[in-house]
């Protein structure tokens, strides 16, 4: 993958349960990877139709350099310079594009702004 294509920055986060000290658990977000280069694009047309066959909630595709430790349920925070930070959830297992361990494709859904 050419470096110029990866013009966006994303942070990958995972929810981790920690003890609250009173025999309970709190969920906190832990950063897996911070501000890594990626390409975030909304899906449309046939690409959207194919992605929604895997998971009907899919709205966006995120391509990034191959890395381990990514899984469904993790959050992808897209640092959009125009609109501010947007949060996506990975809804399908990461796909190794061309099976060359160079590029990972994440199918995501955008989470509602709070």
C-alpha atoms as a PDB file:
ATOM      1  CA  UNK A   1       0.000   0.000   0.000  1.00  0.00           C
ATOM      2  CA  UNK A   2       1.357   3.388  -0.967  1.00  0.00           C
ATOM      3  CA  UNK A   3       1.913   5.773   1.931  1.00  0.00           C
ATOM      4  CA  UNK A   4       0.023   8.629   0.236  1.00  0.00           C
ATOM      5  CA  UNK A   5      -3.235   6.703   0.426  1.00  0.00           C
ATOM      6  CA  UNK A   6      -3.033   6.521   4.232  1.00  0.00           C
ATOM      7  CA  UNK A   7      -3.823  10.197   4.733  1.00  0.00           C
ATOM      8  CA  UNK A   8      -6.070   9.910   7.796  1.00  0.00           C
ATOM      9  CA  UNK A   9      -5.140   9.286  11.439  1.00  0.00           C
ATOM     10  CA  UNK A  10      -6.982   6.827  13.679  1.00  0.00           C
ATOM     11  CA  UNK A  11      -6.639   5.543  17.236  1.00  0.00           C
ATOM     12  CA  UNK A  12      -7.674   1.995  18.128  1.00  0.00           C
ATOM     13  CA  UNK A  13      -9.173   1.478  21.588  1.00  0.00           C
ATOM     14  CA  UNK A  14     -10.347  -1.572  23.500  1.00  0.00           C
ATOM     15  CA  UNK A  15     -12.664  -1.687  26.506  1.00  0.00           C
ATOM     16  CA  UNK A  16     -11.049  -3.327  29.541  1.00  0.00           C
ATOM     17  CA  UNK A  17     -12.723  -4.255  32.819  1.00  0.00           C
ATOM     18  CA  UNK A  18     -10.872  -3.078  35.921  1.00  0.00           C
ATOM     19  CA  UNK A  19     -11.687  -3.470  39.604  1.00  0.00           C
ATOM     20  CA  UNK A  20     -13.327  -0.440  41.191  1.00  0.00           C
ATOM     21  CA  UNK A  21     -12.095  -1.387  44.667  1.00  0.00           C
ATOM     22  CA  UNK A  22     -15.577  -2.188  45.957  1.00  0.00           C
ATOM     23  CA  UNK A  23     -16.002  -5.729  44.567  1.00  0.00           C
ATOM     24  CA  UNK A  24     -17.274  -4.338  41.280  1.00  0.00           C
ATOM     25  CA  UNK A  25     -15.919  -3.709  37.824  1.00  0.00           C
ATOM     26  CA  UNK A  26     -15.526  -0.561  35.748  1.00  0.00           C
ATOM     27  CA  UNK A  27     -15.029  -0.498  31.985  1.00  0.00           C
ATOM     28  CA  UNK A  28     -12.277   1.789  30.786  1.00  0.00           C
ATOM     29  CA  UNK A  29     -10.955   2.415  27.292  1.00  0.00           C
ATOM     30  CA  UNK A  30      -7.344   1.358  26.698  1.00  0.00           C
ATOM     31  CA  UNK A  31      -5.454   2.558  23.651  1.00  0.00           C
ATOM     32  CA  UNK A  32      -4.136  -0.288  21.472  1.00  0.00           C
ATOM     33  CA  UNK A  33      -2.569   1.980  18.813  1.00  0.00           C
ATOM     34  CA  UNK A  34      -2.485   5.792  18.780  1.00  0.00           C
ATOM     35  CA  UNK A  35      -2.777   8.070  15.729  1.00  0.00           C
ATOM     36  CA  UNK A  36      -1.739   5.504  13.141  1.00  0.00           C
ATOM     37  CA  UNK A  37      -2.028   6.214   9.382  1.00  0.00           C
ATOM     38  CA  UNK A  38      -5.181   4.838   7.789  1.00  0.00           C
ATOM     39  CA  UNK A  39      -7.675   5.419   4.998  1.00  0.00           C
ATOM     40  CA  UNK A  40     -11.281   5.874   6.156  1.00  0.00           C
ATOM     41  CA  UNK A  41     -14.031   5.815   3.555  1.00  0.00           C
ATOM     42  CA  UNK A  42     -17.818   5.616   3.687  1.00  0.00           C
ATOM     43  CA  UNK A  43     -19.214   2.700   1.750  1.00  0.00           C
ATOM     44  CA  UNK A  44     -21.705   3.179  -1.078  1.00  0.00           C
ATOM     45  CA  UNK A  45     -23.242   1.186  -3.898  1.00  0.00           C
ATOM     46  CA  UNK A  46     -22.105  -2.383  -4.417  1.00  0.00           C
ATOM     47  CA  UNK A  47     -19.303  -2.111  -1.857  1.00  0.00           C
ATOM     48  CA  UNK A  48     -21.898  -1.210   0.798  1.00  0.00           C
ATOM     49  CA  UNK A  49     -24.173  -4.018  -0.354  1.00  0.00           C
ATOM     50  CA  UNK A  50     -21.349  -6.602  -0.101  1.00  0.00           C
ATOM     51  CA  UNK A  51     -20.232  -5.317   3.316  1.00  0.00           C
ATOM     52  CA  UNK A  52     -23.783  -5.429   4.653  1.00  0.00           C
ATOM     53  CA  UNK A  53     -24.020  -9.095   3.690  1.00  0.00           C
ATOM     54  CA  UNK A  54     -21.293  -9.695   6.293  1.00  0.00           C
ATOM     55  CA  UNK A  55     -22.868  -7.391   8.867  1.00  0.00           C
ATOM     56  CA  UNK A  56     -25.931  -5.213   8.114  1.00  0.00           C
ATOM     57  CA  UNK A  57     -24.678  -2.435  10.435  1.00  0.00           C
ATOM     58  CA  UNK A  58     -21.588  -1.722   8.301  1.00  0.00           C
ATOM     59  CA  UNK A  59     -21.239   1.879   7.088  1.00  0.00           C
ATOM     60  CA  UNK A  60     -17.487   2.520   6.678  1.00  0.00           C
ATOM     61  CA  UNK A  61     -14.290   0.772   5.654  1.00  0.00           C
ATOM     62  CA  UNK A  62     -10.914   1.483   7.288  1.00  0.00           C
ATOM     63  CA  UNK A  63      -7.691   0.336   5.586  1.00  0.00           C
ATOM     64  CA  UNK A  64      -4.405   0.373   7.494  1.00  0.00           C
ATOM     65  CA  UNK A  65      -1.024  -1.311   7.554  1.00  0.00           C
ATOM     66  CA  UNK A  66      -1.036  -4.884   8.808  1.00  0.00           C
ATOM     67  CA  UNK A  67      -0.859  -5.289  12.578  1.00  0.00           C
ATOM     68  CA  UNK A  68      -1.906  -7.845  15.155  1.00  0.00           C
ATOM     69  CA  UNK A  69      -4.246  -7.383  18.091  1.00  0.00           C
ATOM     70  CA  UNK A  70      -7.301  -6.040  16.273  1.00  0.00           C
ATOM     71  CA  UNK A  71     -10.702  -7.670  16.783  1.00  0.00           C
ATOM     72  CA  UNK A  72     -14.424  -7.046  16.555  1.00  0.00           C
ATOM     73  CA  UNK A  73     -15.873  -4.805  19.218  1.00  0.00           C
ATOM     74  CA  UNK A  74     -12.861  -2.500  19.396  1.00  0.00           C
ATOM     75  CA  UNK A  75     -13.314   1.211  18.751  1.00  0.00           C
ATOM     76  CA  UNK A  76     -11.682   3.141  15.922  1.00  0.00           C
ATOM     77  CA  UNK A  77     -11.476   6.876  16.597  1.00  0.00           C
ATOM     78  CA  UNK A  78     -11.098   8.809  13.361  1.00  0.00           C
ATOM     79  CA  UNK A  79      -9.327  12.131  13.942  1.00  0.00           C
ATOM     80  CA  UNK A  80     -11.084  14.135  11.230  1.00  0.00           C
ATOM     81  CA  UNK A  81      -9.473  17.583  10.886  1.00  0.00           C
ATOM     82  CA  UNK A  82     -12.714  19.090   9.539  1.00  0.00           C
ATOM     83  CA  UNK A  83     -15.419  17.498  11.719  1.00  0.00           C
ATOM     84  CA  UNK A  84     -13.506  16.552  14.881  1.00  0.00           C
ATOM     85  CA  UNK A  85     -13.213  13.021  16.251  1.00  0.00           C
ATOM     86  CA  UNK A  86     -15.661  10.376  15.048  1.00  0.00           C
ATOM     87  CA  UNK A  87     -15.994   6.940  16.647  1.00  0.00           C
ATOM     88  CA  UNK A  88     -16.532   3.665  14.795  1.00  0.00           C
ATOM     89  CA  UNK A  89     -16.936   0.111  16.062  1.00  0.00           C
ATOM     90  CA  UNK A  90     -15.295  -2.826  14.277  1.00  0.00           C
ATOM     91  CA  UNK A  91     -18.195  -5.146  13.327  1.00  0.00           C
ATOM     92  CA  UNK A  92     -16.399  -7.856  11.318  1.00  0.00           C
ATOM     93  CA  UNK A  93     -13.075  -9.653  11.790  1.00  0.00           C
ATOM     94  CA  UNK A  94     -10.157  -7.766  10.192  1.00  0.00           C
ATOM     95  CA  UNK A  95      -9.437  -8.938   6.633  1.00  0.00           C
ATOM     96  CA  UNK A  96      -5.902  -9.337   5.294  1.00  0.00           C
ATOM     97  CA  UNK A  97      -6.165  -7.722   1.850  1.00  0.00           C
ATOM     98  CA  UNK A  98      -4.489  -9.924  -0.818  1.00  0.00           C
ATOM     99  CA  UNK A  99      -3.225 -12.185   2.026  1.00  0.00           C
ATOM    100  CA  UNK A 100       0.236 -10.585   1.936  1.00  0.00           C
ATOM    101  CA  UNK A 101       0.325  -9.297   5.547  1.00  0.00           C
ATOM    102  CA  UNK A 102       0.586  -5.709   4.289  1.00  0.00           C
ATOM    103  CA  UNK A 103      -2.889  -4.222   4.520  1.00  0.00           C
ATOM    104  CA  UNK A 104      -5.788  -4.837   6.908  1.00  0.00           C
ATOM    105  CA  UNK A 105      -9.363  -3.887   6.074  1.00  0.00           C
ATOM    106  CA  UNK A 106     -11.795  -3.181   8.908  1.00  0.00           C
ATOM    107  CA  UNK A 107     -15.550  -3.034   8.338  1.00  0.00           C
ATOM    108  CA  UNK A 108     -17.018  -0.595  10.851  1.00  0.00           C
ATOM    109  CA  UNK A 109     -20.232   1.102  11.880  1.00  0.00           C
ATOM    110  CA  UNK A 110     -20.316   4.699  13.023  1.00  0.00           C
ATOM    111  CA  UNK A 111     -21.432   5.138  16.602  1.00  0.00           C
ATOM    112  CA  UNK A 112     -23.980   7.781  17.468  1.00  0.00           C
ATOM    113  CA  UNK A 113     -22.586  10.985  18.943  1.00  0.00           C
ATOM    114  CA  UNK A 114     -23.468  11.369  22.594  1.00  0.00           C
END
